[in-house]
Amino acid sequence: TTARNMQRILVLQKRAIRILGNLQFRETCRDSFKQFKILTVVNLYIAEVVMHVHIKAPETARSYAQLHQYNTRHATNYCLPVHKRSTTEKSPSYTGAKLWNSLPDELKRKDQKHFGLSLKNWLQDRPFYSLKEFYEWKTQEPV
């Protein structure tokens, strides 16, 4: 899915949230997404791709822990393959690995049984409007 299509759906989703929350045209919808516990379309995309790579098709990406036995701080991250073409970056395995690497460490350590619910709850608390915003969440969250 392209970023433009995702933004179109997000605009419709915000319109529906404004109706549900009785919000004005220019009011932010972020708090309403949290209040109604609704995932944005971007969050749904993140959840589906991460779940695909981590649970449904773990053989598509290799973690650093699989490469060596050293206990490093990035051992839970997936290796991003070296590539020559930009089409590789659009593949689900590459995107999933990149999204996985941006998740907080406490989420990555969850077992498969509890991972899906924990990811959903984490995303419900952070309604992202774009993938760029998701990739930058660590630098923008108050400590």
Foldseek 3Di string as FASTA:
>chain_A
DDQVVLLVQQVVVQVVLCVVVVHDPPDDSLVSLLVVLPARSQLVVLLVLLCCCPPVNVVLWAFLCVVDVDDDPRRLATDQDDDDDCVSCVDSNNVNRLSSSLDDPVLSPDDPVCNSVVSSNVRSNPHDSGVVCSSCVVVPDDD
